[in-house]
């Protein structure tokens, strides 16, 4: 993926991520995706997407 920094500079990252199936339509080629990345290692990044509490509990178990 090509990541554009706030200052307009871009860099390319190739990475694998696990994502909820409900988010796949938002993560297709050509889509604009907000990410948070580590300035020390830009290949370490997360996608900023919204998922439901039920999806998180299903993936990681209930913390209650």
PDB file of N, CA and C in Angstrom:
ATOM      1  N   UNK A   1       0.835  -1.153   0.000  1.00  0.00           N
ATOM      2  CA  UNK A   1       0.000   0.000   0.000  1.00  0.00           C
ATOM      3  C   UNK A   1       0.884   1.222   0.000  1.00  0.00           C
ATOM      4  N   UNK A   2       0.385   2.296  -0.520  1.00  0.00           N
ATOM      5  CA  UNK A   2       1.072   3.573  -0.520  1.00  0.00           C
ATOM      6  C   UNK A   2       0.487   4.415   0.600  1.00  0.00           C
ATOM      7  N   UNK A   3       1.343   4.882   1.505  1.00  0.00           N
ATOM      8  CA  UNK A   3       0.908   5.671   2.652  1.00  0.00           C
ATOM      9  C   UNK A   3       1.348   7.109   2.433  1.00  0.00           C
ATOM     10  N   UNK A   4       0.421   8.026   2.604  1.00  0.00           N
ATOM     11  CA  UNK A   4       0.721   9.456   2.500  1.00  0.00           C
ATOM     12  C   UNK A   4       0.750  10.058   3.898  1.00  0.00           C
ATOM     13  N   UNK A   5       1.895  10.651   4.242  1.00  0.00           N
ATOM     14  CA  UNK A   5       2.032  11.303   5.541  1.00  0.00           C
ATOM     15  C   UNK A   5       1.282  12.633   5.533  1.00  0.00           C
ATOM     16  N   UNK A   6       1.103  13.216   6.717  1.00  0.00           N
ATOM     17  CA  UNK A   6       0.435  14.517   6.831  1.00  0.00           C
ATOM     18  C   UNK A   6       1.145  15.601   6.037  1.00  0.00           C
ATOM     19  N   UNK A   7       2.472  15.490   5.886  1.00  0.00           N
ATOM     20  CA  UNK A   7       3.227  16.518   5.164  1.00  0.00           C
ATOM     21  C   UNK A   7       3.215  16.301   3.651  1.00  0.00           C
ATOM     22  N   UNK A   8       2.512  15.255   3.179  1.00  0.00           N
ATOM     23  CA  UNK A   8       2.393  14.990   1.755  1.00  0.00           C
ATOM     24  C   UNK A   8       3.385  13.972   1.215  1.00  0.00           C
ATOM     25  N   UNK A   9       4.447  13.650   1.986  1.00  0.00           N
ATOM     26  CA  UNK A   9       5.390  12.617   1.561  1.00  0.00           C
ATOM     27  C   UNK A   9       4.676  11.272   1.542  1.00  0.00           C
ATOM     28  N   UNK A  10       5.106  10.385   0.645  1.00  0.00           N
ATOM     29  CA  UNK A  10       4.519   9.048   0.575  1.00  0.00           C
ATOM     30  C   UNK A  10       5.602   7.996   0.717  1.00  0.00           C
ATOM     31  N   UNK A  11       5.201   6.826   1.178  1.00  0.00           N
ATOM     32  CA  UNK A  11       6.084   5.664   1.224  1.00  0.00           C
ATOM     33  C   UNK A  11       5.230   4.429   0.998  1.00  0.00           C
ATOM     34  N   UNK A  12       5.852   3.366   0.513  1.00  0.00           N
ATOM     35  CA  UNK A  12       5.141   2.122   0.233  1.00  0.00           C
ATOM     36  C   UNK A  12       5.403   1.117   1.342  1.00  0.00           C
ATOM     37  N   UNK A  13       4.371   0.358   1.689  1.00  0.00           N
ATOM     38  CA  UNK A  13       4.458  -0.667   2.719  1.00  0.00           C
ATOM     39  C   UNK A  13       3.792  -1.928   2.196  1.00  0.00           C
ATOM     40  N   UNK A  14       4.468  -3.057   2.392  1.00  0.00           N
ATOM     41  CA  UNK A  14       3.855  -4.352   2.114  1.00  0.00           C
ATOM     42  C   UNK A  14       3.755  -5.076   3.443  1.00  0.00           C
ATOM     43  N   UNK A  15       2.545  -5.436   3.827  1.00  0.00           N
ATOM     44  CA  UNK A  15       2.331  -6.071   5.123  1.00  0.00           C
ATOM     45  C   UNK A  15       1.107  -6.969   5.055  1.00  0.00           C
ATOM     46  N   UNK A  16       1.006  -7.889   5.992  1.00  0.00           N
ATOM     47  CA  UNK A  16      -0.180  -8.731   6.103  1.00  0.00           C
ATOM     48  C   UNK A  16      -0.897  -8.372   7.387  1.00  0.00           C
ATOM     49  N   UNK A  17      -2.213  -8.295   7.325  1.00  0.00           N
ATOM     50  CA  UNK A  17      -3.029  -7.965   8.482  1.00  0.00           C
ATOM     51  C   UNK A  17      -4.237  -8.887   8.523  1.00  0.00           C
ATOM     52  N   UNK A  18      -4.656  -9.228   9.732  1.00  0.00           N
ATOM     53  CA  UNK A  18      -5.927  -9.916   9.928  1.00  0.00           C
ATOM     54  C   UNK A  18      -6.991  -8.841  10.066  1.00  0.00           C
ATOM     55  N   UNK A  19      -8.097  -9.029   9.362  1.00  0.00           N
ATOM     56  CA  UNK A  19      -9.183  -8.049   9.429  1.00  0.00           C
ATOM     57  C   UNK A  19     -10.514  -8.776   9.577  1.00  0.00           C
ATOM     58  N   UNK A  20     -11.486  -8.077  10.156  1.00  0.00           N
ATOM     59  CA  UNK A  20     -12.827  -8.624  10.256  1.00  0.00           C
ATOM     60  C   UNK A  20     -13.429  -8.703   8.859  1.00  0.00           C
ATOM     61  N   UNK A  21     -14.156  -9.765   8.576  1.00  0.00           N
ATOM     62  CA  UNK A  21     -14.768  -9.932   7.254  1.00  0.00           C
ATOM     63  C   UNK A  21     -15.710  -8.779   6.929  1.00  0.00           C
ATOM     64  N   UNK A  22     -16.321  -8.179   7.949  1.00  0.00           N
ATOM     65  CA  UNK A  22     -17.225  -7.057   7.716  1.00  0.00           C
ATOM     66  C   UNK A  22     -16.488  -5.821   7.204  1.00  0.00           C
ATOM     67  N   UNK A  23     -15.170  -5.781   7.338  1.00  0.00           N
ATOM     68  CA  UNK A  23     -14.376  -4.622   6.920  1.00  0.00           C
ATOM     69  C   UNK A  23     -13.748  -4.786   5.539  1.00  0.00           C
ATOM     70  N   UNK A  24     -13.814  -5.971   4.962  1.00  0.00           N
ATOM     71  CA  UNK A  24     -13.135  -6.238   3.686  1.00  0.00           C
ATOM     72  C   UNK A  24     -13.552  -5.290   2.571  1.00  0.00           C
ATOM     73  N   UNK A  25     -14.820  -4.930   2.516  1.00  0.00           N
ATOM     74  CA  UNK A  25     -15.272  -4.050   1.436  1.00  0.00           C
ATOM     75  C   UNK A  25     -14.645  -2.660   1.550  1.00  0.00           C
ATOM     76  N   UNK A  26     -14.234  -2.259   2.757  1.00  0.00           N
ATOM     77  CA  UNK A  26     -13.610  -0.952   2.970  1.00  0.00           C
ATOM     78  C   UNK A  26     -12.112  -0.963   2.711  1.00  0.00           C
ATOM     79  N   UNK A  27     -11.539  -2.160   2.533  1.00  0.00           N
ATOM     80  CA  UNK A  27     -10.092  -2.301   2.422  1.00  0.00           C
ATOM     81  C   UNK A  27      -9.663  -2.823   1.051  1.00  0.00           C
ATOM     82  N   UNK A  28     -10.398  -2.459   0.028  1.00  0.00           N
ATOM     83  CA  UNK A  28     -10.096  -2.930  -1.319  1.00  0.00           C
ATOM     84  C   UNK A  28      -9.108  -1.994  -2.019  1.00  0.00           C
ATOM     85  N   UNK A  29      -8.423  -2.538  -3.019  1.00  0.00           N
ATOM     86  CA  UNK A  29      -7.481  -1.744  -3.796  1.00  0.00           C
ATOM     87  C   UNK A  29      -8.152  -0.483  -4.309  1.00  0.00           C
ATOM     88  N   UNK A  30      -7.466   0.642  -4.150  1.00  0.00           N
ATOM     89  CA  UNK A  30      -7.991   1.927  -4.580  1.00  0.00           C
ATOM     90  C   UNK A  30      -8.737   2.680  -3.489  1.00  0.00           C
ATOM     91  N   UNK A  31      -9.051   1.995  -2.392  1.00  0.00           N
ATOM     92  CA  UNK A  31      -9.747   2.643  -1.278  1.00  0.00           C
ATOM     93  C   UNK A  31      -8.782   3.524  -0.498  1.00  0.00           C
ATOM     94  N   UNK A  32      -9.303   4.596   0.066  1.00  0.00           N
ATOM     95  CA  UNK A  32      -8.530   5.433   0.978  1.00  0.00           C
ATOM     96  C   UNK A  32      -8.797   4.915   2.382  1.00  0.00           C
ATOM     97  N   UNK A  33      -7.724   4.560   3.078  1.00  0.00           N
ATOM     98  CA  UNK A  33      -7.819   3.947   4.402  1.00  0.00           C
ATOM     99  C   UNK A  33      -6.971   4.768   5.365  1.00  0.00           C
ATOM    100  N   UNK A  34      -7.541   5.158   6.490  1.00  0.00           N
ATOM    101  CA  UNK A  34      -6.743   5.835   7.504  1.00  0.00           C
ATOM    102  C   UNK A  34      -5.901   4.801   8.236  1.00  0.00           C
ATOM    103  N   UNK A  35      -4.633   5.134   8.486  1.00  0.00           N
ATOM    104  CA  UNK A  35      -3.744   4.239   9.206  1.00  0.00           C
ATOM    105  C   UNK A  35      -3.005   5.017  10.286  1.00  0.00           C
ATOM    106  N   UNK A  36      -2.525   4.290  11.266  1.00  0.00           N
ATOM    107  CA  UNK A  36      -1.592   4.809  12.263  1.00  0.00           C
ATOM    108  C   UNK A  36      -0.326   3.982  12.081  1.00  0.00           C
ATOM    109  N   UNK A  37       0.821   4.641  11.930  1.00  0.00           N
ATOM    110  CA  UNK A  37       2.064   3.907  11.713  1.00  0.00           C
ATOM    111  C   UNK A  37       3.137   4.376  12.681  1.00  0.00           C
ATOM    112  N   UNK A  38       4.118   3.511  12.880  1.00  0.00           N
ATOM    113  CA  UNK A  38       5.241   3.828  13.743  1.00  0.00           C
ATOM    114  C   UNK A  38       6.269   4.629  12.947  1.00  0.00           C
ATOM    115  N   UNK A  39       6.633   5.834  13.389  1.00  0.00           N
ATOM    116  CA  UNK A  39       7.654   6.611  12.673  1.00  0.00           C
ATOM    117  C   UNK A  39       9.010   5.890  12.626  1.00  0.00           C
ATOM    118  N   UNK A  40       9.300   5.077  13.646  1.00  0.00           N
ATOM    119  CA  UNK A  40      10.553   4.334  13.667  1.00  0.00           C
ATOM    120  C   UNK A  40      10.556   3.170  12.680  1.00  0.00           C
ATOM    121  N   UNK A  41       9.391   2.571  12.457  1.00  0.00           N
ATOM    122  CA  UNK A  41       9.265   1.440  11.531  1.00  0.00           C
ATOM    123  C   UNK A  41       7.903   1.531  10.850  1.00  0.00           C
ATOM    124  N   UNK A  42       7.829   2.267   9.736  1.00  0.00           N
ATOM    125  CA  UNK A  42       6.528   2.484   9.082  1.00  0.00           C
ATOM    126  C   UNK A  42       5.818   1.209   8.636  1.00  0.00           C
ATOM    127  N   UNK A  43       6.544   0.084   8.559  1.00  0.00           N
ATOM    128  CA  UNK A  43       5.853  -1.157   8.193  1.00  0.00           C
ATOM    129  C   UNK A  43       4.958  -1.644   9.329  1.00  0.00           C
ATOM    130  N   UNK A  44       5.149  -1.090  10.517  1.00  0.00           N
ATOM    131  CA  UNK A  44       4.265  -1.398  11.648  1.00  0.00           C
ATOM    132  C   UNK A  44       3.129  -0.389  11.620  1.00  0.00           C
ATOM    133  N   UNK A  45       1.976  -0.851  11.164  1.00  0.00           N
ATOM    134  CA  UNK A  45       0.828   0.044  11.067  1.00  0.00           C
ATOM    135  C   UNK A  45      -0.454  -0.685  11.384  1.00  0.00           C
ATOM    136  N   UNK A  46      -1.470   0.093  11.708  1.00  0.00           N
ATOM    137  CA  UNK A  46      -2.810  -0.442  11.942  1.00  0.00           C
ATOM    138  C   UNK A  46      -3.796   0.328  11.083  1.00  0.00           C
ATOM    139  N   UNK A  47      -4.841  -0.352  10.658  1.00  0.00           N
ATOM    140  CA  UNK A  47      -5.915   0.295   9.906  1.00  0.00           C
ATOM    141  C   UNK A  47      -6.894   0.890  10.898  1.00  0.00           C
ATOM    142  N   UNK A  48      -7.344   2.100  10.652  1.00  0.00           N
ATOM    143  CA  UNK A  48      -8.366   2.719  11.489  1.00  0.00           C
ATOM    144  C   UNK A  48      -9.729   2.421  10.872  1.00  0.00           C
ATOM    145  N   UNK A  49     -10.413   1.437  11.420  1.00  0.00           N
ATOM    146  CA  UNK A  49     -11.754   1.087  10.955  1.00  0.00           C
ATOM    147  C   UNK A  49     -12.656   0.957  12.176  1.00  0.00           C
ATOM    148  N   UNK A  50     -13.934   1.030  11.957  1.00  0.00           N
ATOM    149  CA  UNK A  50     -14.895   0.868  13.047  1.00  0.00           C
ATOM    150  C   UNK A  50     -15.482  -0.530  12.990  1.00  0.00           C
ATOM    151  N   UNK A  51     -15.439  -1.207  14.110  1.00  0.00           N
ATOM    152  CA  UNK A  51     -16.074  -2.515  14.240  1.00  0.00           C
ATOM    153  C   UNK A  51     -16.988  -2.476  15.448  1.00  0.00           C
ATOM    154  N   UNK A  52     -17.916  -3.397  15.473  1.00  0.00           N
ATOM    155  CA  UNK A  52     -18.863  -3.430  16.585  1.00  0.00           C
ATOM    156  C   UNK A  52     -18.253  -4.143  17.792  1.00  0.00           C
ATOM    157  N   UNK A  53     -18.811  -3.869  18.947  1.00  0.00           N
ATOM    158  CA  UNK A  53     -18.366  -4.544  20.169  1.00  0.00           C
ATOM    159  C   UNK A  53     -18.538  -6.059  20.035  1.00  0.00           C
ATOM    160  N   UNK A  54     -19.603  -6.475  19.385  1.00  0.00           N
ATOM    161  CA  UNK A  54     -19.859  -7.907  19.203  1.00  0.00           C
ATOM    162  C   UNK A  54     -18.761  -8.560  18.372  1.00  0.00           C
ATOM    163  N   UNK A  55     -18.268  -7.861  17.334  1.00  0.00           N
ATOM    164  CA  UNK A  55     -17.192  -8.421  16.512  1.00  0.00           C
ATOM    165  C   UNK A  55     -15.904  -8.568  17.317  1.00  0.00           C
ATOM    166  N   UNK A  56     -15.613  -7.589  18.155  1.00  0.00           N
ATOM    167  CA  UNK A  56     -14.407  -7.653  18.990  1.00  0.00           C
ATOM    168  C   UNK A  56     -14.530  -8.802  19.990  1.00  0.00           C
ATOM    169  N   UNK A  57     -15.688  -8.923  20.621  1.00  0.00           N
ATOM    170  CA  UNK A  57     -15.893 -10.018  21.586  1.00  0.00           C
ATOM    171  C   UNK A  57     -15.796 -11.362  20.902  1.00  0.00           C
ATOM    172  N   UNK A  58     -16.318 -11.474  19.683  1.00  0.00           N
ATOM    173  CA  UNK A  58     -16.252 -12.732  18.956  1.00  0.00           C
ATOM    174  C   UNK A  58     -14.805 -13.079  18.646  1.00  0.00           C
ATOM    175  N   UNK A  59     -13.993 -12.100  18.283  1.00  0.00           N
ATOM    176  CA  UNK A  59     -12.609 -12.340  17.917  1.00  0.00           C
ATOM    177  C   UNK A  59     -11.709 -12.593  19.118  1.00  0.00           C
ATOM    178  N   UNK A  60     -11.930 -11.854  20.206  1.00  0.00           N
ATOM    179  CA  UNK A  60     -11.005 -11.902  21.336  1.00  0.00           C
ATOM    180  C   UNK A  60     -11.609 -12.422  22.625  1.00  0.00           C
ATOM    181  N   UNK A  61     -12.894 -12.699  22.617  1.00  0.00           N
ATOM    182  CA  UNK A  61     -13.557 -13.173  23.832  1.00  0.00           C
ATOM    183  C   UNK A  61     -14.040 -12.013  24.680  1.00  0.00           C
ATOM    184  N   UNK A  62     -14.962 -12.284  25.524  1.00  0.00           N
ATOM    185  CA  UNK A  62     -15.540 -11.244  26.383  1.00  0.00           C
ATOM    186  C   UNK A  62     -14.617 -10.985  27.562  1.00  0.00           C
ATOM    187  N   UNK A  63     -14.439  -9.720  27.899  1.00  0.00           N
ATOM    188  CA  UNK A  63     -13.608  -9.363  29.047  1.00  0.00           C
ATOM    189  C   UNK A  63     -14.432  -9.148  30.300  1.00  0.00           C
ATOM    190  N   UNK A  64     -15.706  -9.404  30.216  1.00  0.00           N
ATOM    191  CA  UNK A  64     -16.595  -9.166  31.370  1.00  0.00           C
ATOM    192  C   UNK A  64     -16.771 -10.414  32.181  1.00  0.00           C
TER     193      UNK A  64
END
